[in-house]
């Protein structure tokens, strides 16, 4: 059996909070977590509408039903989520979403060179955001990892160089079930390998975007 790959034309969607105007000062690109959809994730950032910020939420290229077929037949729950990648053919998924995110950025920022750009990755989106900024360092001045950490398969010498001029911030809730002692230790080890000590901001809450903390950051 021979595995083959081919390139196809592919439509993908993203959501934008508002048009970019001459009054827009900042662009915030937000990458959702596993099992979320961009249109719902974007609503968590509506608290920023008053700050002359355009928020753009790309969506993972793979969508799936959140419940198995058997339980959906009982509950009638047909909720759908998206993911950036899985363990299956992961390098292809990574290459595809990097190309897609580049296209989103180009579409949104065409001739809008006055904008200060931040990339925020939430949960699974934190690794996606990091890979994208490393792939295309010129896109953003600031990288926020929220309820997630750096991917451990980075080229650390390259990452150290490409992140050197970025403002890095890490955020998580003190009651986040996914940020346990083991995860915090892994986070510390990864930042040490990068030779950086990014500020860490915590809030009283779980695995979610905390509005007050978000406003404080942005």
C-alpha atoms as a PDB file:
ATOM      1  CA  UNK A   1       0.000   0.000   0.000  1.00  0.00           C
ATOM      2  CA  UNK A   2       1.376   3.403  -1.009  1.00  0.00           C
ATOM      3  CA  UNK A   3       0.198   6.591   0.695  1.00  0.00           C
ATOM      4  CA  UNK A   4      -0.253   9.467  -1.737  1.00  0.00           C
ATOM      5  CA  UNK A   5      -0.939  13.186  -1.274  1.00  0.00           C
ATOM      6  CA  UNK A   6      -2.350  15.692  -3.709  1.00  0.00           C
ATOM      7  CA  UNK A   7      -3.168  19.399  -3.683  1.00  0.00           C
ATOM      8  CA  UNK A   8      -6.776  20.545  -4.202  1.00  0.00           C
ATOM      9  CA  UNK A   9      -8.723  23.796  -4.159  1.00  0.00           C
ATOM     10  CA  UNK A  10     -10.404  24.043  -0.776  1.00  0.00           C
ATOM     11  CA  UNK A  11     -12.835  26.563   0.691  1.00  0.00           C
ATOM     12  CA  UNK A  12     -12.478  27.500   4.358  1.00  0.00           C
ATOM     13  CA  UNK A  13     -14.168  30.104   6.523  1.00  0.00           C
ATOM     14  CA  UNK A  14     -13.270  32.599   9.203  1.00  0.00           C
ATOM     15  CA  UNK A  15     -15.195  35.196  11.192  1.00  0.00           C
ATOM     16  CA  UNK A  16     -14.452  38.880  11.680  1.00  0.00           C
ATOM     17  CA  UNK A  17     -15.921  41.120  14.372  1.00  0.00           C
ATOM     18  CA  UNK A  18     -16.143  44.237  12.159  1.00  0.00           C
ATOM     19  CA  UNK A  19     -14.650  45.781   9.022  1.00  0.00           C
ATOM     20  CA  UNK A  20     -11.231  47.367   9.354  1.00  0.00           C
ATOM     21  CA  UNK A  21     -11.478  51.157   9.030  1.00  0.00           C
ATOM     22  CA  UNK A  22      -8.971  54.015   9.382  1.00  0.00           C
ATOM     23  CA  UNK A  23     -10.082  54.209  13.030  1.00  0.00           C
ATOM     24  CA  UNK A  24      -9.119  50.591  13.731  1.00  0.00           C
ATOM     25  CA  UNK A  25      -5.929  50.516  15.761  1.00  0.00           C
ATOM     26  CA  UNK A  26      -5.345  46.850  16.534  1.00  0.00           C
ATOM     27  CA  UNK A  27      -5.907  43.459  14.976  1.00  0.00           C
ATOM     28  CA  UNK A  28      -6.409  40.439  17.226  1.00  0.00           C
ATOM     29  CA  UNK A  29      -6.259  37.020  15.561  1.00  0.00           C
ATOM     30  CA  UNK A  30      -7.778  34.387  17.871  1.00  0.00           C
ATOM     31  CA  UNK A  31      -7.374  30.635  17.407  1.00  0.00           C
ATOM     32  CA  UNK A  32      -9.964  28.468  19.155  1.00  0.00           C
ATOM     33  CA  UNK A  33      -9.486  25.275  21.128  1.00  0.00           C
ATOM     34  CA  UNK A  34     -10.337  21.670  20.314  1.00  0.00           C
ATOM     35  CA  UNK A  35     -13.990  21.055  19.531  1.00  0.00           C
ATOM     36  CA  UNK A  36     -14.972  24.717  19.227  1.00  0.00           C
ATOM     37  CA  UNK A  37     -16.344  26.671  16.276  1.00  0.00           C
ATOM     38  CA  UNK A  38     -15.011  30.080  15.330  1.00  0.00           C
ATOM     39  CA  UNK A  39     -18.339  31.909  15.308  1.00  0.00           C
ATOM     40  CA  UNK A  40     -19.018  30.990  18.938  1.00  0.00           C
ATOM     41  CA  UNK A  41     -15.426  31.548  20.004  1.00  0.00           C
ATOM     42  CA  UNK A  42     -15.500  35.053  18.514  1.00  0.00           C
ATOM     43  CA  UNK A  43     -18.402  36.009  20.806  1.00  0.00           C
ATOM     44  CA  UNK A  44     -16.065  35.734  23.791  1.00  0.00           C
ATOM     45  CA  UNK A  45     -14.206  38.776  22.430  1.00  0.00           C
ATOM     46  CA  UNK A  46     -17.189  41.101  21.941  1.00  0.00           C
ATOM     47  CA  UNK A  47     -16.139  42.897  25.148  1.00  0.00           C
ATOM     48  CA  UNK A  48     -13.358  44.456  23.048  1.00  0.00           C
ATOM     49  CA  UNK A  49     -15.722  46.210  20.622  1.00  0.00           C
ATOM     50  CA  UNK A  50     -15.190  49.572  22.353  1.00  0.00           C
ATOM     51  CA  UNK A  51     -11.401  49.509  21.920  1.00  0.00           C
ATOM     52  CA  UNK A  52     -11.025  50.019  18.144  1.00  0.00           C
ATOM     53  CA  UNK A  53      -9.912  46.429  17.760  1.00  0.00           C
ATOM     54  CA  UNK A  54     -10.820  44.122  14.900  1.00  0.00           C
ATOM     55  CA  UNK A  55     -10.983  40.506  16.069  1.00  0.00           C
ATOM     56  CA  UNK A  56     -10.609  37.739  13.503  1.00  0.00           C
ATOM     57  CA  UNK A  57     -11.361  34.103  14.322  1.00  0.00           C
ATOM     58  CA  UNK A  58     -10.135  31.504  11.821  1.00  0.00           C
ATOM     59  CA  UNK A  59     -11.573  28.011  12.142  1.00  0.00           C
ATOM     60  CA  UNK A  60      -9.843  24.630  12.225  1.00  0.00           C
ATOM     61  CA  UNK A  61     -10.099  22.893   8.864  1.00  0.00           C
ATOM     62  CA  UNK A  62     -11.488  19.624  10.239  1.00  0.00           C
ATOM     63  CA  UNK A  63     -15.011  19.533  11.702  1.00  0.00           C
ATOM     64  CA  UNK A  64     -16.728  16.665  13.484  1.00  0.00           C
ATOM     65  CA  UNK A  65     -19.784  15.803  15.603  1.00  0.00           C
ATOM     66  CA  UNK A  66     -18.966  16.207  19.282  1.00  0.00           C
ATOM     67  CA  UNK A  67     -20.962  13.115  20.303  1.00  0.00           C
ATOM     68  CA  UNK A  68     -20.621   9.589  18.893  1.00  0.00           C
ATOM     69  CA  UNK A  69     -23.292   8.340  16.506  1.00  0.00           C
ATOM     70  CA  UNK A  70     -24.947   6.057  19.073  1.00  0.00           C
ATOM     71  CA  UNK A  71     -25.380   8.729  21.745  1.00  0.00           C
ATOM     72  CA  UNK A  72     -26.505  11.318  19.180  1.00  0.00           C
ATOM     73  CA  UNK A  73     -29.322   8.964  18.195  1.00  0.00           C
ATOM     74  CA  UNK A  74     -30.512   9.099  21.819  1.00  0.00           C
ATOM     75  CA  UNK A  75     -29.830  12.727  22.769  1.00  0.00           C
ATOM     76  CA  UNK A  76     -30.427  14.373  19.403  1.00  0.00           C
ATOM     77  CA  UNK A  77     -27.336  16.485  20.053  1.00  0.00           C
ATOM     78  CA  UNK A  78     -25.860  17.324  16.650  1.00  0.00           C
ATOM     79  CA  UNK A  79     -23.352  19.901  17.891  1.00  0.00           C
ATOM     80  CA  UNK A  80     -20.279  20.209  15.729  1.00  0.00           C
ATOM     81  CA  UNK A  81     -16.762  21.270  16.666  1.00  0.00           C
ATOM     82  CA  UNK A  82     -13.522  21.828  14.803  1.00  0.00           C
ATOM     83  CA  UNK A  83      -9.922  20.828  15.353  1.00  0.00           C
ATOM     84  CA  UNK A  84      -6.627  22.133  14.021  1.00  0.00           C
ATOM     85  CA  UNK A  85      -5.025  18.717  13.774  1.00  0.00           C
ATOM     86  CA  UNK A  86      -4.988  15.170  15.106  1.00  0.00           C
ATOM     87  CA  UNK A  87      -2.266  12.547  15.400  1.00  0.00           C
ATOM     88  CA  UNK A  88      -3.247  11.164  11.989  1.00  0.00           C
ATOM     89  CA  UNK A  89      -1.205  12.658   9.120  1.00  0.00           C
ATOM     90  CA  UNK A  90      -0.362  15.520  11.476  1.00  0.00           C
ATOM     91  CA  UNK A  91       2.376  17.127   9.376  1.00  0.00           C
ATOM     92  CA  UNK A  92      -0.032  17.474   6.451  1.00  0.00           C
ATOM     93  CA  UNK A  93      -2.632  19.035   8.762  1.00  0.00           C
ATOM     94  CA  UNK A  94      -0.034  21.462  10.123  1.00  0.00           C
ATOM     95  CA  UNK A  95       1.092  22.451   6.633  1.00  0.00           C
ATOM     96  CA  UNK A  96      -2.515  22.948   5.538  1.00  0.00           C
ATOM     97  CA  UNK A  97      -3.495  25.152   8.461  1.00  0.00           C
ATOM     98  CA  UNK A  98      -0.330  27.258   8.187  1.00  0.00           C
ATOM     99  CA  UNK A  99      -1.143  27.942   4.538  1.00  0.00           C
ATOM    100  CA  UNK A 100      -4.773  28.699   5.449  1.00  0.00           C
ATOM    101  CA  UNK A 101      -3.816  31.074   8.272  1.00  0.00           C
ATOM    102  CA  UNK A 102      -1.430  32.904   5.957  1.00  0.00           C
ATOM    103  CA  UNK A 103      -4.283  33.409   3.500  1.00  0.00           C
ATOM    104  CA  UNK A 104      -6.598  34.674   6.246  1.00  0.00           C
ATOM    105  CA  UNK A 105      -3.949  37.168   7.336  1.00  0.00           C
ATOM    106  CA  UNK A 106      -3.371  38.355   3.775  1.00  0.00           C
ATOM    107  CA  UNK A 107      -7.097  38.761   3.167  1.00  0.00           C
ATOM    108  CA  UNK A 108      -7.724  40.709   6.366  1.00  0.00           C
ATOM    109  CA  UNK A 109      -4.657  42.951   6.379  1.00  0.00           C
ATOM    110  CA  UNK A 110      -4.434  43.906   2.707  1.00  0.00           C
ATOM    111  CA  UNK A 111      -2.848  47.385   2.706  1.00  0.00           C
ATOM    112  CA  UNK A 112      -3.556  47.785   6.450  1.00  0.00           C
ATOM    113  CA  UNK A 113       0.033  48.217   7.599  1.00  0.00           C
ATOM    114  CA  UNK A 114      -0.843  50.584  10.457  1.00  0.00           C
ATOM    115  CA  UNK A 115      -2.319  47.852  12.649  1.00  0.00           C
ATOM    116  CA  UNK A 116      -0.666  46.467  15.758  1.00  0.00           C
ATOM    117  CA  UNK A 117      -1.204  42.702  15.512  1.00  0.00           C
ATOM    118  CA  UNK A 118      -1.628  40.171  18.331  1.00  0.00           C
ATOM    119  CA  UNK A 119      -2.116  36.419  17.901  1.00  0.00           C
ATOM    120  CA  UNK A 120      -3.962  34.672  20.739  1.00  0.00           C
ATOM    121  CA  UNK A 121      -4.149  30.894  20.900  1.00  0.00           C
ATOM    122  CA  UNK A 122      -6.567  29.213  23.300  1.00  0.00           C
ATOM    123  CA  UNK A 123      -5.990  25.629  24.505  1.00  0.00           C
ATOM    124  CA  UNK A 124      -5.168  23.538  21.399  1.00  0.00           C
ATOM    125  CA  UNK A 125      -4.985  26.829  19.512  1.00  0.00           C
ATOM    126  CA  UNK A 126      -1.926  27.831  21.596  1.00  0.00           C
ATOM    127  CA  UNK A 127       0.284  25.318  19.791  1.00  0.00           C
ATOM    128  CA  UNK A 128      -1.297  26.333  16.476  1.00  0.00           C
ATOM    129  CA  UNK A 129      -0.658  30.029  17.176  1.00  0.00           C
ATOM    130  CA  UNK A 130       2.960  29.327  18.114  1.00  0.00           C
ATOM    131  CA  UNK A 131       3.628  27.302  14.979  1.00  0.00           C
ATOM    132  CA  UNK A 132       2.079  30.045  12.856  1.00  0.00           C
ATOM    133  CA  UNK A 133       4.137  32.840  14.422  1.00  0.00           C
ATOM    134  CA  UNK A 134       7.302  30.752  14.019  1.00  0.00           C
ATOM    135  CA  UNK A 135       6.372  30.001  10.415  1.00  0.00           C
ATOM    136  CA  UNK A 136       5.604  33.653   9.639  1.00  0.00           C
ATOM    137  CA  UNK A 137       7.255  35.871  12.302  1.00  0.00           C
ATOM    138  CA  UNK A 138       6.323  39.124  10.566  1.00  0.00           C
ATOM    139  CA  UNK A 139       2.584  38.684  11.164  1.00  0.00           C
ATOM    140  CA  UNK A 140       2.506  39.798  14.800  1.00  0.00           C
ATOM    141  CA  UNK A 141       4.261  41.730  17.506  1.00  0.00           C
ATOM    142  CA  UNK A 142       2.550  39.876  20.342  1.00  0.00           C
ATOM    143  CA  UNK A 143       1.730  36.239  21.097  1.00  0.00           C
ATOM    144  CA  UNK A 144      -0.670  35.227  23.885  1.00  0.00           C
ATOM    145  CA  UNK A 145      -0.972  31.575  24.915  1.00  0.00           C
ATOM    146  CA  UNK A 146      -4.223  31.179  26.868  1.00  0.00           C
ATOM    147  CA  UNK A 147      -4.891  27.881  28.675  1.00  0.00           C
ATOM    148  CA  UNK A 148      -2.241  26.245  26.517  1.00  0.00           C
ATOM    149  CA  UNK A 149       1.514  25.953  26.084  1.00  0.00           C
ATOM    150  CA  UNK A 150       4.206  25.907  23.425  1.00  0.00           C
ATOM    151  CA  UNK A 151       4.360  22.776  21.254  1.00  0.00           C
ATOM    152  CA  UNK A 152       7.149  20.488  22.414  1.00  0.00           C
ATOM    153  CA  UNK A 153       8.214  19.535  18.887  1.00  0.00           C
ATOM    154  CA  UNK A 154       9.547  22.976  17.945  1.00  0.00           C
ATOM    155  CA  UNK A 155      12.989  23.645  16.563  1.00  0.00           C
ATOM    156  CA  UNK A 156      14.055  25.399  19.761  1.00  0.00           C
ATOM    157  CA  UNK A 157      17.119  27.199  18.389  1.00  0.00           C
ATOM    158  CA  UNK A 158      15.032  28.616  15.544  1.00  0.00           C
ATOM    159  CA  UNK A 159      12.134  29.427  17.888  1.00  0.00           C
ATOM    160  CA  UNK A 160      14.443  31.243  20.302  1.00  0.00           C
ATOM    161  CA  UNK A 161      15.570  33.518  17.484  1.00  0.00           C
ATOM    162  CA  UNK A 162      12.134  34.119  15.984  1.00  0.00           C
ATOM    163  CA  UNK A 163      10.429  34.850  19.292  1.00  0.00           C
ATOM    164  CA  UNK A 164      13.185  37.136  20.578  1.00  0.00           C
ATOM    165  CA  UNK A 165      11.433  40.348  19.544  1.00  0.00           C
ATOM    166  CA  UNK A 166       7.883  39.226  20.395  1.00  0.00           C
ATOM    167  CA  UNK A 167       5.864  40.206  23.446  1.00  0.00           C
ATOM    168  CA  UNK A 168       4.906  36.852  24.958  1.00  0.00           C
ATOM    169  CA  UNK A 169       2.203  36.356  27.593  1.00  0.00           C
ATOM    170  CA  UNK A 170       0.803  33.188  29.145  1.00  0.00           C
ATOM    171  CA  UNK A 171      -2.666  33.136  30.741  1.00  0.00           C
ATOM    172  CA  UNK A 172      -4.675  30.481  32.546  1.00  0.00           C
ATOM    173  CA  UNK A 173      -7.438  30.084  35.117  1.00  0.00           C
ATOM    174  CA  UNK A 174      -6.584  28.842  38.585  1.00  0.00           C
ATOM    175  CA  UNK A 175      -9.422  26.293  38.328  1.00  0.00           C
ATOM    176  CA  UNK A 176      -8.579  25.098  34.823  1.00  0.00           C
ATOM    177  CA  UNK A 177      -8.740  21.272  34.944  1.00  0.00           C
ATOM    178  CA  UNK A 178      -6.277  21.019  32.043  1.00  0.00           C
ATOM    179  CA  UNK A 179      -3.582  23.148  33.713  1.00  0.00           C
ATOM    180  CA  UNK A 180      -2.388  20.846  36.485  1.00  0.00           C
ATOM    181  CA  UNK A 181       1.016  20.598  38.189  1.00  0.00           C
ATOM    182  CA  UNK A 182       2.390  18.361  35.445  1.00  0.00           C
ATOM    183  CA  UNK A 183       1.255  20.785  32.755  1.00  0.00           C
ATOM    184  CA  UNK A 184       2.750  23.752  34.622  1.00  0.00           C
ATOM    185  CA  UNK A 185       6.042  21.905  34.951  1.00  0.00           C
ATOM    186  CA  UNK A 186       6.023  21.186  31.217  1.00  0.00           C
ATOM    187  CA  UNK A 187       5.291  24.873  30.561  1.00  0.00           C
ATOM    188  CA  UNK A 188       8.299  25.874  32.680  1.00  0.00           C
ATOM    189  CA  UNK A 189      10.583  23.379  30.949  1.00  0.00           C
ATOM    190  CA  UNK A 190       9.583  24.615  27.500  1.00  0.00           C
ATOM    191  CA  UNK A 191      10.130  28.274  28.351  1.00  0.00           C
ATOM    192  CA  UNK A 192      13.520  27.423  29.869  1.00  0.00           C
ATOM    193  CA  UNK A 193      14.543  25.651  26.663  1.00  0.00           C
ATOM    194  CA  UNK A 194      13.534  28.801  24.777  1.00  0.00           C
ATOM    195  CA  UNK A 195      15.565  30.944  27.175  1.00  0.00           C
ATOM    196  CA  UNK A 196      12.601  33.181  27.981  1.00  0.00           C
ATOM    197  CA  UNK A 197      10.551  34.083  31.039  1.00  0.00           C
ATOM    198  CA  UNK A 198       7.213  35.368  29.738  1.00  0.00           C
ATOM    199  CA  UNK A 199       4.841  37.004  32.219  1.00  0.00           C
ATOM    200  CA  UNK A 200       2.149  34.624  33.483  1.00  0.00           C
ATOM    201  CA  UNK A 201      -1.287  36.025  34.275  1.00  0.00           C
ATOM    202  CA  UNK A 202      -3.841  34.000  36.212  1.00  0.00           C
ATOM    203  CA  UNK A 203      -7.502  34.566  36.990  1.00  0.00           C
ATOM    204  CA  UNK A 204     -10.106  32.875  39.151  1.00  0.00           C
ATOM    205  CA  UNK A 205     -11.857  30.663  36.668  1.00  0.00           C
ATOM    206  CA  UNK A 206     -11.672  27.573  34.515  1.00  0.00           C
ATOM    207  CA  UNK A 207     -10.900  26.625  30.929  1.00  0.00           C
ATOM    208  CA  UNK A 208     -12.359  29.701  29.293  1.00  0.00           C
ATOM    209  CA  UNK A 209     -11.721  33.275  28.157  1.00  0.00           C
ATOM    210  CA  UNK A 210     -12.087  35.555  31.188  1.00  0.00           C
ATOM    211  CA  UNK A 211     -13.525  38.926  30.040  1.00  0.00           C
ATOM    212  CA  UNK A 212     -11.860  41.142  32.663  1.00  0.00           C
ATOM    213  CA  UNK A 213      -8.450  39.551  32.127  1.00  0.00           C
ATOM    214  CA  UNK A 214      -8.887  39.860  28.379  1.00  0.00           C
ATOM    215  CA  UNK A 215      -9.596  43.600  28.644  1.00  0.00           C
ATOM    216  CA  UNK A 216      -6.619  44.039  30.940  1.00  0.00           C
ATOM    217  CA  UNK A 217      -4.347  42.389  28.368  1.00  0.00           C
ATOM    218  CA  UNK A 218      -5.672  44.059  25.249  1.00  0.00           C
END
